[in-house]
Structure formats: structure tokens, C-alpha cells
Amino acid sequence: MTDALVFSDGRLLLGAIVLRAAVGRGGLRADKREGDGATPVGPLELRRVLYRADRTAVPRTLLPREPIGDRDGWCDDPAHRDYNRMVTLPHPARHEQLWRSDSIYDITVVLGWNDSPVARGRGSAIFLHLARPGYPPTEGCIALSEADLRAVLAAGVGVLRVMPP
């Protein structure tokens, strides 16, 4: 496994290759909090890949891969015991739906942020996913084009090192 570097100006360095990335609307923060729109600074381990099998080919990667369905979500309610975990919908707490009408979660990499252990309010649903056209800021995730995300996965990246601004 190899590392890639992420910078506040929207660059992701994969060895000598520079890729365009979108980061959080709140910038990069070492003190990440739920709802601040920031991408957390530090090492983010790539945990597993979720993908929409009805829309895209299975990503080539050494990471565990799992197709998602229309009842998959992610809890982002700090007051709930499922905070920062994948859940089945309907779910009683605030959550994101992973099965979306847009394509940004067609390939989603779950990143190791606030998951071992989970701390309430420290941020949830920090993913590496597909960028919207024009690379607008995310809600705290890191986003790449589909070709670049597939290249990162195929290259065996194990950690994204988000660098301080």
C-alpha cells in the first residue's frame, strides 16, 4: 500500500502525478467537528469501497468492496448510537442516503475518520467519492473524477494524508 497527499488548494499527489480534487467547503481542519464542512487534517486510512453495481463496474482495488442498495445510509446524528456508521433505511436518526439520484456516491471509499473509537460530534461520513462537475467544495469529503478515483484505488493507495493548510 502507498500514501497520497491532499492539499487545501485541491491537489492530490499520487507519487509524481498531480490529480485535481475537491475538499470541504470549510477548508482543512485539525479540529474537525460535525457540520463544519471541513475535511479533517491527518492520515485517513482507506477502509473499504462501496459502489452502485447498477451504474458502474466493480472498482479494481485490494480494499474490500461492497455493492450498495437503495436502503443503505450513513448515520450523521451525534446523539444516536449509530453515529458515523452505515445503517439500513428507514432509520430513526438523521442520516445520509448512500443510494442517490446524482452520481457522487456511485463509487465511495469509506475513510478512517472518527471510527475507532467513534467520538460524538467529531465528524461523520468522511468519504473519498466522485466529484461534481466543476469540482465544487464538498461537505467535508475528498472528491475526484471517476477516472482519478479508479486510478487511486488501482494504485493501492492505503492512506490519504491530508496536509495542514
N, C-alpha and C. Protein backbone atom coordinates (compact mmCIF):
# COMPACT_ATOMS: atom_id res chain seq x y z
N MET A 1 0.84 -1.19 0.00
CA MET A 1 0.00 0.00 0.00
C MET A 1 0.88 1.25 0.00
N THR A 2 0.37 2.28 -0.62
CA THR A 2 1.10 3.54 -0.73
C THR A 2 0.24 4.67 -0.17
N ASP A 3 0.83 5.83 0.02
CA ASP A 3 0.12 7.00 0.51
C ASP A 3 -0.05 8.01 -0.61
N ALA A 4 -1.06 8.86 -0.48
CA ALA A 4 -1.26 10.01 -1.36
C ALA A 4 -1.42 11.23 -0.46
N LEU A 5 -1.04 12.38 -0.95
CA LEU A 5 -1.13 13.63 -0.19
C LEU A 5 -2.26 14.49 -0.74
N VAL A 6 -3.02 15.13 0.15
CA VAL A 6 -4.11 16.02 -0.23
C VAL A 6 -3.81 17.40 0.33
N PHE A 7 -3.96 18.43 -0.51
CA PHE A 7 -3.67 19.80 -0.12
C PHE A 7 -4.91 20.68 -0.24
N SER A 8 -4.92 21.77 0.52
CA SER A 8 -6.08 22.67 0.58
C SER A 8 -6.39 23.33 -0.76
N ASP A 9 -5.42 23.40 -1.65
CA ASP A 9 -5.66 24.03 -2.96
C ASP A 9 -6.27 23.06 -3.97
N GLY A 10 -6.67 21.88 -3.52
CA GLY A 10 -7.35 20.94 -4.41
C GLY A 10 -6.42 20.05 -5.21
N ARG A 11 -5.23 19.82 -4.70
CA ARG A 11 -4.30 18.88 -5.34
C ARG A 11 -4.23 17.61 -4.53
N LEU A 12 -4.22 16.49 -5.23
CA LEU A 12 -3.92 15.20 -4.62
C LEU A 12 -2.70 14.67 -5.34
N LEU A 13 -1.61 14.44 -4.58
CA LEU A 13 -0.37 13.92 -5.16
C LEU A 13 -0.32 12.42 -4.97
N LEU A 14 -0.21 11.72 -6.08
CA LEU A 14 -0.07 10.27 -6.10
C LEU A 14 1.29 10.00 -6.72
N GLY A 15 2.31 9.89 -5.87
CA GLY A 15 3.68 9.82 -6.38
C GLY A 15 4.00 11.14 -7.06
N ALA A 16 4.40 11.08 -8.33
CA ALA A 16 4.72 12.28 -9.09
C ALA A 16 3.51 12.81 -9.86
N ILE A 17 2.38 12.13 -9.77
CA ILE A 17 1.18 12.51 -10.51
C ILE A 17 0.33 13.45 -9.67
N VAL A 18 -0.09 14.56 -10.27
CA VAL A 18 -0.95 15.52 -9.59
C VAL A 18 -2.37 15.36 -10.13
N LEU A 19 -3.32 15.11 -9.22
CA LEU A 19 -4.72 14.97 -9.59
C LEU A 19 -5.51 16.14 -8.99
N ARG A 20 -6.58 16.51 -9.68
CA ARG A 20 -7.45 17.57 -9.17
C ARG A 20 -8.44 16.95 -8.19
N ALA A 21 -8.65 17.62 -7.05
CA ALA A 21 -9.56 17.13 -6.02
C ALA A 21 -10.40 18.28 -5.47
N ALA A 22 -11.57 17.94 -4.98
CA ALA A 22 -12.40 18.88 -4.23
C ALA A 22 -12.29 18.51 -2.76
N VAL A 23 -12.21 19.52 -1.90
CA VAL A 23 -12.16 19.29 -0.45
C VAL A 23 -13.32 20.06 0.19
N GLY A 24 -13.42 19.99 1.50
CA GLY A 24 -14.54 20.56 2.21
C GLY A 24 -14.68 22.07 2.08
N ARG A 25 -15.93 22.52 2.05
CA ARG A 25 -16.24 23.96 1.97
C ARG A 25 -15.69 24.72 3.17
N GLY A 26 -15.47 24.01 4.28
CA GLY A 26 -14.90 24.61 5.49
C GLY A 26 -13.38 24.55 5.54
N GLY A 27 -12.77 24.14 4.41
CA GLY A 27 -11.32 24.04 4.36
C GLY A 27 -10.82 22.77 5.02
N LEU A 28 -9.55 22.77 5.39
CA LEU A 28 -8.93 21.64 6.08
C LEU A 28 -8.73 22.03 7.53
N ARG A 29 -9.17 21.15 8.45
CA ARG A 29 -9.11 21.50 9.88
C ARG A 29 -8.62 20.33 10.71
N ALA A 30 -7.73 20.63 11.63
CA ALA A 30 -7.26 19.62 12.57
C ALA A 30 -8.31 19.36 13.65
N ASP A 31 -9.17 20.34 13.90
CA ASP A 31 -10.19 20.21 14.93
C ASP A 31 -11.58 20.01 14.31
N LYS A 32 -11.68 19.07 13.41
CA LYS A 32 -12.91 18.74 12.70
C LYS A 32 -14.08 18.54 13.67
N ARG A 33 -15.26 19.13 13.33
CA ARG A 33 -16.49 18.99 14.11
C ARG A 33 -17.65 18.69 13.16
N GLU A 34 -18.65 18.01 13.65
CA GLU A 34 -19.83 17.69 12.85
C GLU A 34 -20.46 18.97 12.33
N GLY A 35 -20.72 18.99 11.01
CA GLY A 35 -21.43 20.10 10.40
C GLY A 35 -20.57 21.28 9.99
N ASP A 36 -19.25 21.26 10.24
CA ASP A 36 -18.41 22.42 9.90
C ASP A 36 -18.01 22.45 8.43
N GLY A 37 -18.30 21.38 7.68
CA GLY A 37 -17.97 21.34 6.26
C GLY A 37 -16.49 21.19 5.97
N ALA A 38 -15.69 20.92 6.99
CA ALA A 38 -14.24 20.82 6.83
C ALA A 38 -13.80 19.39 6.57
N THR A 39 -12.71 19.27 5.84
CA THR A 39 -12.03 17.99 5.65
C THR A 39 -11.00 17.86 6.77
N PRO A 40 -11.01 16.73 7.48
CA PRO A 40 -10.06 16.60 8.60
C PRO A 40 -8.61 16.46 8.14
N VAL A 41 -7.72 17.14 8.85
CA VAL A 41 -6.28 17.05 8.61
C VAL A 41 -5.76 15.79 9.27
N GLY A 42 -4.80 15.15 8.61
CA GLY A 42 -4.17 13.97 9.19
C GLY A 42 -4.28 12.78 8.27
N PRO A 43 -3.82 11.63 8.74
CA PRO A 43 -3.89 10.43 7.91
C PRO A 43 -5.29 9.84 7.92
N LEU A 44 -5.83 9.58 6.73
CA LEU A 44 -7.15 8.96 6.59
C LEU A 44 -6.96 7.64 5.86
N GLU A 45 -7.09 6.57 6.60
CA GLU A 45 -6.91 5.24 6.02
C GLU A 45 -8.12 4.88 5.14
N LEU A 46 -7.85 4.30 3.98
CA LEU A 46 -8.92 3.83 3.11
C LEU A 46 -9.39 2.49 3.66
N ARG A 47 -10.65 2.42 4.09
CA ARG A 47 -11.18 1.24 4.78
C ARG A 47 -11.83 0.24 3.83
N ARG A 48 -12.78 0.70 3.01
CA ARG A 48 -13.50 -0.19 2.09
C ARG A 48 -14.16 0.65 1.01
N VAL A 49 -14.57 -0.02 -0.07
CA VAL A 49 -15.18 0.65 -1.21
C VAL A 49 -16.64 0.22 -1.32
N LEU A 50 -17.52 1.21 -1.38
CA LEU A 50 -18.94 0.99 -1.64
C LEU A 50 -19.21 1.46 -3.08
N TYR A 51 -20.06 0.73 -3.80
CA TYR A 51 -20.30 1.14 -5.19
C TYR A 51 -21.71 0.75 -5.62
N ARG A 52 -22.21 1.45 -6.64
CA ARG A 52 -23.52 1.15 -7.21
C ARG A 52 -23.32 0.22 -8.39
N ALA A 53 -23.62 -1.03 -8.19
CA ALA A 53 -23.41 -2.05 -9.22
C ALA A 53 -24.33 -1.84 -10.42
N ASP A 54 -25.44 -1.13 -10.25
CA ASP A 54 -26.35 -0.88 -11.36
C ASP A 54 -25.85 0.25 -12.27
N ARG A 55 -24.84 1.00 -11.82
CA ARG A 55 -24.35 2.14 -12.60
C ARG A 55 -22.89 2.06 -13.00
N THR A 56 -22.10 1.25 -12.31
CA THR A 56 -20.66 1.27 -12.55
C THR A 56 -20.05 -0.12 -12.38
N ALA A 57 -18.92 -0.31 -13.03
CA ALA A 57 -18.18 -1.57 -12.89
C ALA A 57 -17.54 -1.63 -11.51
N VAL A 58 -17.32 -2.83 -11.04
CA VAL A 58 -16.66 -3.04 -9.75
C VAL A 58 -15.27 -2.41 -9.81
N PRO A 59 -14.94 -1.52 -8.88
CA PRO A 59 -13.61 -0.90 -8.89
C PRO A 59 -12.50 -1.94 -8.65
N ARG A 60 -11.39 -1.76 -9.35
CA ARG A 60 -10.22 -2.62 -9.17
C ARG A 60 -9.42 -2.08 -7.98
N THR A 61 -9.29 -2.90 -6.94
CA THR A 61 -8.62 -2.46 -5.73
C THR A 61 -8.33 -3.67 -4.84
N LEU A 62 -7.39 -3.51 -3.93
CA LEU A 62 -7.12 -4.53 -2.93
C LEU A 62 -8.02 -4.36 -1.70
N LEU A 63 -8.74 -3.25 -1.62
CA LEU A 63 -9.63 -2.99 -0.50
C LEU A 63 -10.88 -3.86 -0.59
N PRO A 64 -11.53 -4.12 0.53
CA PRO A 64 -12.82 -4.81 0.48
C PRO A 64 -13.82 -3.97 -0.32
N ARG A 65 -14.64 -4.62 -1.12
CA ARG A 65 -15.63 -3.94 -1.96
C ARG A 65 -17.02 -4.46 -1.61
N GLU A 66 -17.99 -3.55 -1.64
CA GLU A 66 -19.35 -3.91 -1.26
C GLU A 66 -20.35 -3.11 -2.10
N PRO A 67 -21.24 -3.79 -2.83
CA PRO A 67 -22.27 -3.04 -3.55
C PRO A 67 -23.28 -2.46 -2.57
N ILE A 68 -23.81 -1.28 -2.88
CA ILE A 68 -24.83 -0.67 -2.03
C ILE A 68 -26.19 -0.85 -2.68
N GLY A 69 -27.22 -0.70 -1.84
CA GLY A 69 -28.60 -0.78 -2.31
C GLY A 69 -29.39 0.44 -1.86
N ASP A 70 -30.63 0.49 -2.27
CA ASP A 70 -31.45 1.67 -2.03
C ASP A 70 -31.87 1.84 -0.57
N ARG A 71 -31.53 0.92 0.29
CA ARG A 71 -31.84 1.04 1.72
C ARG A 71 -30.59 1.32 2.56
N ASP A 72 -29.48 1.64 1.90
CA ASP A 72 -28.23 1.92 2.63
C ASP A 72 -28.10 3.41 2.93
N GLY A 73 -27.67 3.70 4.14
CA GLY A 73 -27.46 5.08 4.56
C GLY A 73 -26.28 5.15 5.52
N TRP A 74 -26.02 6.38 6.00
CA TRP A 74 -24.93 6.61 6.95
C TRP A 74 -25.44 7.57 8.01
N CYS A 75 -25.38 7.18 9.26
CA CYS A 75 -25.90 8.00 10.36
C CYS A 75 -24.94 9.16 10.66
N ASP A 76 -25.49 10.39 10.63
CA ASP A 76 -24.68 11.56 10.96
C ASP A 76 -25.28 12.33 12.15
N ASP A 77 -26.02 11.63 12.99
CA ASP A 77 -26.63 12.22 14.17
C ASP A 77 -25.78 11.90 15.40
N PRO A 78 -25.04 12.90 15.94
CA PRO A 78 -24.13 12.63 17.06
C PRO A 78 -24.83 12.09 18.31
N ALA A 79 -26.13 12.32 18.43
CA ALA A 79 -26.86 11.86 19.61
C ALA A 79 -27.29 10.39 19.51
N HIS A 80 -27.13 9.80 18.35
CA HIS A 80 -27.60 8.42 18.16
C HIS A 80 -26.45 7.42 18.29
N ARG A 81 -26.76 6.23 18.77
CA ARG A 81 -25.73 5.19 18.97
C ARG A 81 -25.11 4.72 17.65
N ASP A 82 -25.78 4.94 16.52
CA ASP A 82 -25.25 4.54 15.21
C ASP A 82 -24.40 5.63 14.55
N TYR A 83 -24.11 6.70 15.28
CA TYR A 83 -23.34 7.82 14.73
C TYR A 83 -22.08 7.34 14.01
N ASN A 84 -21.90 7.87 12.82
CA ASN A 84 -20.76 7.58 11.94
C ASN A 84 -20.65 6.09 11.60
N ARG A 85 -21.80 5.49 11.34
CA ARG A 85 -21.84 4.09 10.91
C ARG A 85 -22.84 3.94 9.77
N MET A 86 -22.60 2.94 8.94
CA MET A 86 -23.54 2.59 7.88
C MET A 86 -24.79 2.02 8.54
N VAL A 87 -25.97 2.42 8.03
CA VAL A 87 -27.24 1.98 8.59
C VAL A 87 -28.17 1.53 7.47
N THR A 88 -29.22 0.83 7.87
CA THR A 88 -30.26 0.42 6.94
C THR A 88 -31.43 1.39 7.08
N LEU A 89 -31.95 1.84 5.95
CA LEU A 89 -33.07 2.78 5.93
C LEU A 89 -34.39 2.03 5.81
N PRO A 90 -35.46 2.55 6.38
CA PRO A 90 -35.51 3.81 7.12
C PRO A 90 -34.77 3.70 8.45
N HIS A 91 -34.29 4.84 8.90
CA HIS A 91 -33.52 4.89 10.16
C HIS A 91 -34.09 6.05 10.98
N PRO A 92 -34.21 5.88 12.29
CA PRO A 92 -34.86 6.91 13.11
C PRO A 92 -34.05 8.18 13.31
N ALA A 93 -32.75 8.12 13.13
CA ALA A 93 -31.90 9.29 13.37
C ALA A 93 -31.54 9.97 12.04
N ARG A 94 -31.00 11.18 12.16
CA ARG A 94 -30.55 11.91 10.97
C ARG A 94 -29.49 11.08 10.25
N HIS A 95 -29.57 11.08 8.92
CA HIS A 95 -28.66 10.23 8.14
C HIS A 95 -28.55 10.76 6.71
N GLU A 96 -27.54 10.24 6.02
CA GLU A 96 -27.39 10.46 4.59
C GLU A 96 -27.83 9.20 3.87
N GLN A 97 -28.44 9.37 2.72
CA GLN A 97 -28.77 8.22 1.88
C GLN A 97 -27.59 7.98 0.95
N LEU A 98 -27.09 6.75 0.89
CA LEU A 98 -25.96 6.43 0.02
C LEU A 98 -26.40 6.21 -1.42
N TRP A 99 -27.62 5.73 -1.62
CA TRP A 99 -28.18 5.48 -2.95
C TRP A 99 -28.81 6.79 -3.41
N ARG A 100 -28.10 7.52 -4.27
CA ARG A 100 -28.51 8.88 -4.62
C ARG A 100 -28.89 9.00 -6.08
N SER A 101 -29.66 10.04 -6.40
CA SER A 101 -30.03 10.28 -7.79
C SER A 101 -28.85 10.86 -8.58
N ASP A 102 -27.98 11.64 -7.90
CA ASP A 102 -26.77 12.09 -8.58
C ASP A 102 -25.74 10.96 -8.50
N SER A 103 -24.57 11.18 -9.04
CA SER A 103 -23.60 10.08 -9.15
C SER A 103 -22.47 10.14 -8.13
N ILE A 104 -22.48 11.09 -7.20
CA ILE A 104 -21.28 11.28 -6.37
C ILE A 104 -20.93 10.08 -5.50
N TYR A 105 -21.92 9.27 -5.12
CA TYR A 105 -21.64 8.09 -4.30
C TYR A 105 -21.66 6.80 -5.12
N ASP A 106 -21.59 6.90 -6.44
CA ASP A 106 -21.54 5.68 -7.26
C ASP A 106 -20.31 4.85 -6.92
N ILE A 107 -19.21 5.53 -6.59
CA ILE A 107 -18.03 4.87 -6.01
C ILE A 107 -17.65 5.71 -4.79
N THR A 108 -17.67 5.07 -3.63
CA THR A 108 -17.41 5.76 -2.38
C THR A 108 -16.42 4.95 -1.56
N VAL A 109 -15.36 5.60 -1.11
CA VAL A 109 -14.39 4.94 -0.25
C VAL A 109 -14.61 5.45 1.16
N VAL A 110 -14.88 4.54 2.09
CA VAL A 110 -15.04 4.90 3.49
C VAL A 110 -13.64 5.16 4.04
N LEU A 111 -13.47 6.36 4.60
CA LEU A 111 -12.17 6.76 5.14
C LEU A 111 -12.16 6.61 6.66
N GLY A 112 -11.00 6.31 7.18
CA GLY A 112 -10.84 6.11 8.61
C GLY A 112 -10.79 7.42 9.37
N TRP A 113 -11.96 8.01 9.57
CA TRP A 113 -12.05 9.21 10.39
C TRP A 113 -13.11 8.99 11.47
N ASN A 114 -12.74 9.21 12.70
CA ASN A 114 -13.65 9.13 13.83
C ASN A 114 -14.42 7.80 13.87
N ASP A 115 -13.70 6.74 13.63
CA ASP A 115 -14.37 5.44 13.61
C ASP A 115 -13.79 4.41 14.57
N SER A 116 -12.69 4.74 15.23
CA SER A 116 -12.08 3.74 16.09
C SER A 116 -11.32 4.39 17.25
N PRO A 117 -12.01 4.82 18.29
CA PRO A 117 -13.45 4.73 18.52
C PRO A 117 -14.17 5.96 17.96
N VAL A 118 -15.50 5.87 17.89
CA VAL A 118 -16.32 6.99 17.45
C VAL A 118 -16.47 7.97 18.62
N ALA A 119 -16.20 9.26 18.35
CA ALA A 119 -16.40 10.32 19.35
C ALA A 119 -17.55 11.21 18.87
N ARG A 120 -18.56 11.35 19.67
CA ARG A 120 -19.74 12.13 19.31
C ARG A 120 -19.37 13.57 18.92
N GLY A 121 -19.85 13.99 17.76
CA GLY A 121 -19.64 15.36 17.31
C GLY A 121 -18.33 15.63 16.61
N ARG A 122 -17.49 14.63 16.46
CA ARG A 122 -16.16 14.84 15.86
C ARG A 122 -16.18 14.76 14.33
N GLY A 123 -17.34 14.44 13.76
CA GLY A 123 -17.47 14.38 12.30
C GLY A 123 -17.81 12.98 11.84
N SER A 124 -18.62 12.91 10.79
CA SER A 124 -19.09 11.63 10.28
C SER A 124 -19.14 11.66 8.76
N ALA A 125 -19.25 10.47 8.19
CA ALA A 125 -19.42 10.32 6.75
C ALA A 125 -18.31 11.02 5.97
N ILE A 126 -17.08 10.82 6.38
CA ILE A 126 -15.94 11.37 5.65
C ILE A 126 -15.50 10.31 4.63
N PHE A 127 -15.76 10.63 3.37
CA PHE A 127 -15.55 9.69 2.28
C PHE A 127 -14.61 10.27 1.23
N LEU A 128 -14.09 9.39 0.41
CA LEU A 128 -13.47 9.73 -0.87
C LEU A 128 -14.50 9.32 -1.90
N HIS A 129 -15.01 10.26 -2.66
CA HIS A 129 -16.09 9.94 -3.59
C HIS A 129 -15.92 10.70 -4.90
N LEU A 130 -16.90 10.57 -5.79
CA LEU A 130 -16.83 11.21 -7.10
C LEU A 130 -17.16 12.70 -6.99
N ALA A 131 -16.42 13.51 -7.74
CA ALA A 131 -16.61 14.96 -7.74
C ALA A 131 -17.79 15.35 -8.62
N ARG A 132 -18.42 16.42 -8.21
CA ARG A 132 -19.46 17.03 -9.06
C ARG A 132 -18.76 17.79 -10.19
N PRO A 133 -19.47 18.05 -11.29
CA PRO A 133 -18.86 18.84 -12.37
C PRO A 133 -18.36 20.19 -11.85
N GLY A 134 -17.16 20.56 -12.24
CA GLY A 134 -16.56 21.81 -11.81
C GLY A 134 -15.86 21.74 -10.47
N TYR A 135 -15.89 20.60 -9.81
CA TYR A 135 -15.21 20.37 -8.53
C TYR A 135 -15.60 21.38 -7.43
N PRO A 136 -16.90 21.61 -7.20
CA PRO A 136 -17.26 22.49 -6.08
C PRO A 136 -16.87 21.83 -4.76
N PRO A 137 -16.76 22.63 -3.69
CA PRO A 137 -16.40 22.05 -2.40
C PRO A 137 -17.41 21.00 -1.93
N THR A 138 -16.93 20.10 -1.09
CA THR A 138 -17.76 19.05 -0.52
C THR A 138 -18.23 19.47 0.88
N GLU A 139 -18.93 18.57 1.55
CA GLU A 139 -19.36 18.81 2.93
C GLU A 139 -18.30 18.35 3.94
N GLY A 140 -17.10 18.01 3.44
CA GLY A 140 -16.01 17.56 4.31
C GLY A 140 -15.25 16.39 3.73
N CYS A 141 -15.79 15.84 2.66
CA CYS A 141 -15.16 14.69 1.99
C CYS A 141 -14.07 15.17 1.03
N ILE A 142 -13.45 14.22 0.37
CA ILE A 142 -12.50 14.48 -0.71
C ILE A 142 -13.11 13.86 -1.95
N ALA A 143 -13.13 14.60 -3.06
CA ALA A 143 -13.79 14.12 -4.27
C ALA A 143 -12.87 14.22 -5.47
N LEU A 144 -12.92 13.20 -6.31
CA LEU A 144 -12.11 13.09 -7.53
C LEU A 144 -13.00 12.74 -8.72
N SER A 145 -12.46 12.92 -9.92
CA SER A 145 -13.14 12.40 -11.10
C SER A 145 -13.19 10.88 -11.02
N GLU A 146 -14.08 10.26 -11.76
CA GLU A 146 -14.16 8.80 -11.72
C GLU A 146 -12.85 8.16 -12.17
N ALA A 147 -12.26 8.68 -13.25
CA ALA A 147 -11.00 8.10 -13.74
C ALA A 147 -9.91 8.21 -12.68
N ASP A 148 -9.82 9.36 -12.01
CA ASP A 148 -8.78 9.54 -11.00
C ASP A 148 -9.05 8.70 -9.76
N LEU A 149 -10.30 8.58 -9.35
CA LEU A 149 -10.61 7.73 -8.19
C LEU A 149 -10.28 6.28 -8.49
N ARG A 150 -10.61 5.82 -9.68
CA ARG A 150 -10.25 4.45 -10.06
C ARG A 150 -8.73 4.27 -10.10
N ALA A 151 -8.00 5.29 -10.54
CA ALA A 151 -6.53 5.20 -10.58
C ALA A 151 -5.95 5.12 -9.16
N VAL A 152 -6.49 5.90 -8.23
CA VAL A 152 -6.04 5.86 -6.84
C VAL A 152 -6.28 4.47 -6.26
N LEU A 153 -7.46 3.91 -6.51
CA LEU A 153 -7.77 2.57 -5.99
C LEU A 153 -6.87 1.52 -6.61
N ALA A 154 -6.67 1.58 -7.92
CA ALA A 154 -5.84 0.59 -8.61
C ALA A 154 -4.37 0.70 -8.20
N ALA A 155 -3.93 1.90 -7.81
CA ALA A 155 -2.54 2.11 -7.40
C ALA A 155 -2.24 1.55 -6.01
N GLY A 156 -3.27 1.12 -5.31
CA GLY A 156 -3.06 0.55 -3.99
C GLY A 156 -2.85 1.58 -2.90
N VAL A 157 -3.43 2.76 -3.07
CA VAL A 157 -3.32 3.77 -2.01
C VAL A 157 -4.02 3.24 -0.77
N GLY A 158 -3.33 3.30 0.36
CA GLY A 158 -3.89 2.84 1.62
C GLY A 158 -4.22 3.96 2.57
N VAL A 159 -3.57 5.14 2.38
CA VAL A 159 -3.77 6.28 3.27
C VAL A 159 -3.76 7.56 2.45
N LEU A 160 -4.73 8.45 2.73
CA LEU A 160 -4.69 9.83 2.23
C LEU A 160 -4.16 10.67 3.38
N ARG A 161 -3.07 11.35 3.15
CA ARG A 161 -2.50 12.25 4.17
C ARG A 161 -2.95 13.67 3.84
N VAL A 162 -3.93 14.15 4.59
CA VAL A 162 -4.45 15.49 4.38
C VAL A 162 -3.54 16.44 5.13
N MET A 163 -2.90 17.32 4.36
CA MET A 163 -1.85 18.19 4.89
C MET A 163 -2.46 19.47 5.49
N PRO A 164 -1.88 19.97 6.56
CA PRO A 164 -2.37 21.22 7.15
C PRO A 164 -2.26 22.36 6.14
N PRO A 165 -3.21 23.30 6.20
CA PRO A 165 -3.17 24.44 5.26
C PRO A 165 -1.97 25.34 5.52
